[in-house]
Amino acid sequence: MTDTAIDDLIGELRGLLIRDGLYVGANLLFAKDGDRLKLQMMTATSDSLGVLLATLSDSRELDDPGSLSRRIAPGDVGAAAGEWAYNLRVGRYRTPDRGICLQVTVSMPVTDLPEVVSRLAARL
Protein backbone atom coordinates (compact mmCIF):
# COMPACT_ATOMS: atom_id res chain seq x y z
CA MET A 1 0.00 0.00 0.00
CA THR A 2 1.44 3.40 -0.97
CA ASP A 3 1.84 6.32 1.44
CA THR A 4 -0.73 8.25 -0.62
CA ALA A 5 -3.27 5.42 -0.29
CA ILE A 6 -2.62 5.25 3.45
CA ASP A 7 -3.07 9.02 3.80
CA ASP A 8 -6.33 8.81 1.83
CA LEU A 9 -7.62 6.00 4.08
CA ILE A 10 -6.63 7.92 7.22
CA GLY A 11 -8.56 10.92 5.89
CA GLU A 12 -11.56 8.72 5.20
CA LEU A 13 -11.36 7.17 8.68
CA ARG A 14 -11.18 10.63 10.26
CA GLY A 15 -14.23 11.70 8.25
CA LEU A 16 -16.20 8.62 9.27
CA LEU A 17 -15.44 9.07 12.97
CA ILE A 18 -16.31 12.76 12.92
CA ARG A 19 -19.39 12.42 10.73
CA ASP A 20 -20.72 9.57 12.84
CA GLY A 21 -20.39 11.77 15.90
CA LEU A 22 -18.12 9.41 17.81
CA TYR A 23 -15.36 12.00 18.25
CA VAL A 24 -14.67 15.69 17.83
CA GLY A 25 -12.25 16.17 14.94
CA ALA A 26 -9.76 18.25 16.92
CA ASN A 27 -9.40 15.39 19.39
CA LEU A 28 -8.26 12.81 16.82
CA LEU A 29 -4.59 12.35 16.04
CA PHE A 30 -3.17 9.84 13.57
CA ALA A 31 0.50 8.90 13.26
CA LYS A 32 2.02 6.31 10.94
CA ASP A 33 5.07 4.63 12.44
CA GLY A 34 6.52 2.08 10.06
CA ASP A 35 3.91 -0.62 9.53
CA ARG A 36 1.76 0.61 12.45
CA LEU A 37 -0.92 3.29 12.65
CA LYS A 38 -1.44 5.00 15.98
CA LEU A 39 -4.80 6.62 16.61
CA GLN A 40 -5.06 8.90 19.63
CA MET A 41 -8.48 9.98 20.86
CA MET A 42 -8.55 12.70 23.47
CA THR A 43 -11.50 12.88 25.86
CA ALA A 44 -12.85 9.68 24.40
CA THR A 45 -15.61 8.14 26.43
CA SER A 46 -15.76 4.45 27.07
CA ASP A 47 -19.10 4.47 25.24
CA SER A 48 -17.66 5.89 22.01
CA LEU A 49 -14.62 3.61 22.11
CA GLY A 50 -16.94 0.67 22.69
CA VAL A 51 -19.06 1.63 19.67
CA LEU A 52 -15.95 1.83 17.50
CA LEU A 53 -14.62 -1.57 18.61
CA ALA A 54 -18.04 -3.22 18.45
CA THR A 55 -18.47 -2.00 14.89
CA LEU A 56 -15.12 -3.45 13.89
CA SER A 57 -15.48 -6.70 15.84
CA ASP A 58 -17.65 -9.56 14.68
CA SER A 59 -18.06 -12.51 17.06
CA ARG A 60 -18.79 -14.77 14.08
CA GLU A 61 -15.10 -14.37 13.14
CA LEU A 62 -13.71 -15.87 16.35
CA ASP A 63 -12.93 -19.23 14.73
CA ASP A 64 -10.72 -17.53 12.10
CA PRO A 65 -7.30 -16.66 13.61
CA GLY A 66 -6.65 -14.17 10.77
CA SER A 67 -9.92 -12.26 11.11
CA LEU A 68 -10.04 -8.60 12.06
CA SER A 69 -11.93 -9.47 15.25
CA ARG A 70 -9.14 -11.82 16.35
CA ARG A 71 -6.49 -9.23 15.42
CA ILE A 72 -8.31 -6.63 17.58
CA ALA A 73 -8.42 -9.01 20.54
CA PRO A 74 -7.79 -12.76 20.76
CA GLY A 75 -10.85 -14.96 20.95
CA ASP A 76 -9.63 -17.22 23.74
CA VAL A 77 -9.10 -16.42 27.39
CA GLY A 78 -5.39 -16.53 28.11
CA ALA A 79 -4.43 -16.43 24.43
CA ALA A 80 -1.53 -14.33 23.21
CA ALA A 81 -2.26 -10.65 22.67
CA GLY A 82 -3.90 -9.55 19.43
CA GLU A 83 -2.12 -7.43 16.84
CA TRP A 84 -3.80 -4.29 18.16
CA ALA A 85 -2.52 -2.52 21.27
CA TYR A 86 -4.46 -0.14 23.52
CA ASN A 87 -3.48 2.42 26.10
CA LEU A 88 -5.80 4.42 28.35
CA ARG A 89 -4.60 7.41 30.34
CA VAL A 90 -6.89 9.06 32.82
CA GLY A 91 -6.21 12.57 34.05
CA ARG A 92 -8.00 15.73 35.07
CA TYR A 93 -8.56 18.91 33.13
CA ARG A 94 -6.87 22.01 34.44
CA THR A 95 -10.20 23.76 34.75
CA PRO A 96 -12.08 24.85 37.87
CA ASP A 97 -14.27 21.74 37.82
CA ARG A 98 -11.22 19.46 37.35
CA GLY A 99 -13.27 17.05 35.23
CA ILE A 100 -11.87 13.72 34.14
CA CYS A 101 -10.04 13.58 30.81
CA LEU A 102 -9.52 10.30 28.98
CA GLN A 103 -6.86 9.72 26.35
CA VAL A 104 -7.13 6.49 24.39
CA THR A 105 -4.38 5.33 22.05
CA VAL A 106 -4.92 2.45 19.63
CA SER A 107 -2.05 0.99 17.65
CA MET A 108 -2.90 -1.29 14.74
CA PRO A 109 -1.22 -2.66 11.63
CA VAL A 110 -1.55 -0.28 8.67
CA THR A 111 -2.70 -3.28 6.65
CA ASP A 112 -5.92 -3.36 8.74
CA LEU A 113 -6.83 0.19 7.70
CA PRO A 114 -8.83 -0.69 4.52
CA GLU A 115 -11.01 -3.16 6.44
CA VAL A 116 -11.51 -0.73 9.34
CA VAL A 117 -12.66 2.00 6.93
CA SER A 118 -14.87 -0.45 5.05
CA ARG A 119 -16.63 -1.68 8.20
CA LEU A 120 -17.22 1.81 9.56
CA ALA A 121 -18.51 3.03 6.18
CA ALA A 122 -20.91 0.06 5.94
CA ARG A 123 -22.36 0.93 9.33
CA LEU A 124 -23.64 4.33 8.15
C-alpha atoms as a PDB file:
ATOM      1  CA  MET A   1       0.000   0.000   0.000  1.00  0.00           C
ATOM      2  CA  THR A   2       1.441   3.403  -0.968  1.00  0.00           C
ATOM      3  CA  ASP A   3       1.837   6.318   1.437  1.00  0.00           C
ATOM      4  CA  THR A   4      -0.735   8.249  -0.622  1.00  0.00           C
ATOM      5  CA  ALA A   5      -3.268   5.423  -0.294  1.00  0.00           C
ATOM      6  CA  ILE A   6      -2.622   5.248   3.455  1.00  0.00           C
ATOM      7  CA  ASP A   7      -3.066   9.019   3.797  1.00  0.00           C
ATOM      8  CA  ASP A   8      -6.335   8.809   1.832  1.00  0.00           C
ATOM      9  CA  LEU A   9      -7.620   6.005   4.078  1.00  0.00           C
ATOM     10  CA  ILE A  10      -6.627   7.917   7.221  1.00  0.00           C
ATOM     11  CA  GLY A  11      -8.561  10.925   5.894  1.00  0.00           C
ATOM     12  CA  GLU A  12     -11.565   8.722   5.195  1.00  0.00           C
ATOM     13  CA  LEU A  13     -11.363   7.171   8.682  1.00  0.00           C
ATOM     14  CA  ARG A  14     -11.184  10.629  10.264  1.00  0.00           C
ATOM     15  CA  GLY A  15     -14.226  11.699   8.254  1.00  0.00           C
ATOM     16  CA  LEU A  16     -16.204   8.624   9.272  1.00  0.00           C
ATOM     17  CA  LEU A  17     -15.441   9.072  12.973  1.00  0.00           C
ATOM     18  CA  ILE A  18     -16.310  12.761  12.922  1.00  0.00           C
ATOM     19  CA  ARG A  19     -19.390  12.417  10.732  1.00  0.00           C
ATOM     20  CA  ASP A  20     -20.721   9.571  12.841  1.00  0.00           C
ATOM     21  CA  GLY A  21     -20.388  11.772  15.905  1.00  0.00           C
ATOM     22  CA  LEU A  22     -18.115   9.408  17.814  1.00  0.00           C
ATOM     23  CA  TYR A  23     -15.361  11.998  18.250  1.00  0.00           C
ATOM     24  CA  VAL A  24     -14.670  15.692  17.829  1.00  0.00           C
ATOM     25  CA  GLY A  25     -12.247  16.169  14.937  1.00  0.00           C
ATOM     26  CA  ALA A  26      -9.760  18.248  16.923  1.00  0.00           C
ATOM     27  CA  ASN A  27      -9.400  15.391  19.391  1.00  0.00           C
ATOM     28  CA  LEU A  28      -8.259  12.809  16.825  1.00  0.00           C
ATOM     29  CA  LEU A  29      -4.587  12.354  16.040  1.00  0.00           C
ATOM     30  CA  PHE A  30      -3.170   9.836  13.569  1.00  0.00           C
ATOM     31  CA  ALA A  31       0.504   8.898  13.257  1.00  0.00           C
ATOM     32  CA  LYS A  32       2.016   6.311  10.941  1.00  0.00           C
ATOM     33  CA  ASP A  33       5.067   4.631  12.443  1.00  0.00           C
ATOM     34  CA  GLY A  34       6.521   2.075  10.063  1.00  0.00           C
ATOM     35  CA  ASP A  35       3.907  -0.622   9.531  1.00  0.00           C
ATOM     36  CA  ARG A  36       1.756   0.606  12.446  1.00  0.00           C
ATOM     37  CA  LEU A  37      -0.920   3.286  12.647  1.00  0.00           C
ATOM     38  CA  LYS A  38      -1.437   4.998  15.979  1.00  0.00           C
ATOM     39  CA  LEU A  39      -4.797   6.619  16.609  1.00  0.00           C
ATOM     40  CA  GLN A  40      -5.063   8.898  19.630  1.00  0.00           C
ATOM     41  CA  MET A  41      -8.481   9.976  20.860  1.00  0.00           C
ATOM     42  CA  MET A  42      -8.546  12.696  23.473  1.00  0.00           C
ATOM     43  CA  THR A  43     -11.500  12.881  25.859  1.00  0.00           C
ATOM     44  CA  ALA A  44     -12.851   9.684  24.397  1.00  0.00           C
ATOM     45  CA  THR A  45     -15.611   8.142  26.431  1.00  0.00           C
ATOM     46  CA  SER A  46     -15.760   4.446  27.072  1.00  0.00           C
ATOM     47  CA  ASP A  47     -19.103   4.471  25.237  1.00  0.00           C
ATOM     48  CA  SER A  48     -17.664   5.894  22.014  1.00  0.00           C
ATOM     49  CA  LEU A  49     -14.620   3.609  22.107  1.00  0.00           C
ATOM     50  CA  GLY A  50     -16.943   0.667  22.691  1.00  0.00           C
ATOM     51  CA  VAL A  51     -19.059   1.628  19.674  1.00  0.00           C
ATOM     52  CA  LEU A  52     -15.950   1.826  17.502  1.00  0.00           C
ATOM     53  CA  LEU A  53     -14.619  -1.569  18.610  1.00  0.00           C
ATOM     54  CA  ALA A  54     -18.043  -3.225  18.455  1.00  0.00           C
ATOM     55  CA  THR A  55     -18.474  -1.998  14.887  1.00  0.00           C
ATOM     56  CA  LEU A  56     -15.125  -3.450  13.886  1.00  0.00           C
ATOM     57  CA  SER A  57     -15.476  -6.705  15.840  1.00  0.00           C
ATOM     58  CA  ASP A  58     -17.646  -9.560  14.682  1.00  0.00           C
ATOM     59  CA  SER A  59     -18.065 -12.508  17.063  1.00  0.00           C
ATOM     60  CA  ARG A  60     -18.788 -14.773  14.081  1.00  0.00           C
ATOM     61  CA  GLU A  61     -15.104 -14.372  13.137  1.00  0.00           C
ATOM     62  CA  LEU A  62     -13.709 -15.868  16.351  1.00  0.00           C
ATOM     63  CA  ASP A  63     -12.929 -19.228  14.730  1.00  0.00           C
ATOM     64  CA  ASP A  64     -10.724 -17.531  12.102  1.00  0.00           C
ATOM     65  CA  PRO A  65      -7.305 -16.660  13.610  1.00  0.00           C
ATOM     66  CA  GLY A  66      -6.647 -14.175  10.771  1.00  0.00           C
ATOM     67  CA  SER A  67      -9.917 -12.263  11.106  1.00  0.00           C
ATOM     68  CA  LEU A  68     -10.045  -8.601  12.057  1.00  0.00           C
ATOM     69  CA  SER A  69     -11.925  -9.475  15.254  1.00  0.00           C
ATOM     70  CA  ARG A  70      -9.141 -11.819  16.345  1.00  0.00           C
ATOM     71  CA  ARG A  71      -6.491  -9.226  15.423  1.00  0.00           C
ATOM     72  CA  ILE A  72      -8.311  -6.630  17.578  1.00  0.00           C
ATOM     73  CA  ALA A  73      -8.416  -9.014  20.542  1.00  0.00           C
ATOM     74  CA  PRO A  74      -7.793 -12.755  20.763  1.00  0.00           C
ATOM     75  CA  GLY A  75     -10.845 -14.960  20.951  1.00  0.00           C
ATOM     76  CA  ASP A  76      -9.633 -17.224  23.740  1.00  0.00           C
ATOM     77  CA  VAL A  77      -9.105 -16.418  27.391  1.00  0.00           C
ATOM     78  CA  GLY A  78      -5.385 -16.525  28.108  1.00  0.00           C
ATOM     79  CA  ALA A  79      -4.434 -16.425  24.425  1.00  0.00           C
ATOM     80  CA  ALA A  80      -1.526 -14.329  23.208  1.00  0.00           C
ATOM     81  CA  ALA A  81      -2.259 -10.654  22.670  1.00  0.00           C
ATOM     82  CA  GLY A  82      -3.895  -9.551  19.434  1.00  0.00           C
ATOM     83  CA  GLU A  83      -2.120  -7.429  16.836  1.00  0.00           C
ATOM     84  CA  TRP A  84      -3.803  -4.292  18.158  1.00  0.00           C
ATOM     85  CA  ALA A  85      -2.525  -2.519  21.269  1.00  0.00           C
ATOM     86  CA  TYR A  86      -4.459  -0.144  23.520  1.00  0.00           C
ATOM     87  CA  ASN A  87      -3.483   2.421  26.099  1.00  0.00           C
ATOM     88  CA  LEU A  88      -5.796   4.425  28.348  1.00  0.00           C
ATOM     89  CA  ARG A  89      -4.595   7.409  30.342  1.00  0.00           C
ATOM     90  CA  VAL A  90      -6.886   9.065  32.822  1.00  0.00           C
ATOM     91  CA  GLY A  91      -6.208  12.566  34.051  1.00  0.00           C
ATOM     92  CA  ARG A  92      -8.001  15.733  35.066  1.00  0.00           C
ATOM     93  CA  TYR A  93      -8.561  18.910  33.127  1.00  0.00           C
ATOM     94  CA  ARG A  94      -6.866  22.007  34.437  1.00  0.00           C
ATOM     95  CA  THR A  95     -10.198  23.761  34.750  1.00  0.00           C
ATOM     96  CA  PRO A  96     -12.077  24.855  37.874  1.00  0.00           C
ATOM     97  CA  ASP A  97     -14.274  21.738  37.824  1.00  0.00           C
ATOM     98  CA  ARG A  98     -11.215  19.461  37.354  1.00  0.00           C
ATOM     99  CA  GLY A  99     -13.270  17.053  35.228  1.00  0.00           C
ATOM    100  CA  ILE A 100     -11.868  13.718  34.143  1.00  0.00           C
ATOM    101  CA  CYS A 101     -10.042  13.583  30.812  1.00  0.00           C
ATOM    102  CA  LEU A 102      -9.525  10.300  28.975  1.00  0.00           C
ATOM    103  CA  GLN A 103      -6.863   9.725  26.350  1.00  0.00           C
ATOM    104  CA  VAL A 104      -7.129   6.489  24.395  1.00  0.00           C
ATOM    105  CA  THR A 105      -4.385   5.326  22.047  1.00  0.00           C
ATOM    106  CA  VAL A 106      -4.922   2.450  19.632  1.00  0.00           C
ATOM    107  CA  SER A 107      -2.050   0.986  17.649  1.00  0.00           C
ATOM    108  CA  MET A 108      -2.896  -1.289  14.740  1.00  0.00           C
ATOM    109  CA  PRO A 109      -1.216  -2.665  11.629  1.00  0.00           C
ATOM    110  CA  VAL A 110      -1.546  -0.282   8.670  1.00  0.00           C
ATOM    111  CA  THR A 111      -2.704  -3.279   6.647  1.00  0.00           C
ATOM    112  CA  ASP A 112      -5.919  -3.359   8.739  1.00  0.00           C
ATOM    113  CA  LEU A 113      -6.835   0.190   7.697  1.00  0.00           C
ATOM    114  CA  PRO A 114      -8.826  -0.686   4.523  1.00  0.00           C
ATOM    115  CA  GLU A 115     -11.006  -3.161   6.441  1.00  0.00           C
ATOM    116  CA  VAL A 116     -11.512  -0.732   9.336  1.00  0.00           C
ATOM    117  CA  VAL A 117     -12.659   1.995   6.934  1.00  0.00           C
ATOM    118  CA  SER A 118     -14.873  -0.447   5.053  1.00  0.00           C
ATOM    119  CA  ARG A 119     -16.631  -1.678   8.199  1.00  0.00           C
ATOM    120  CA  LEU A 120     -17.222   1.810   9.556  1.00  0.00           C
ATOM    121  CA  ALA A 121     -18.507   3.030   6.181  1.00  0.00           C
ATOM    122  CA  ALA A 122     -20.907   0.059   5.942  1.00  0.00           C
ATOM    123  CA  ARG A 123     -22.364   0.933   9.329  1.00  0.00           C
ATOM    124  CA  LEU A 124     -23.643   4.328   8.154  1.00  0.00           C
END
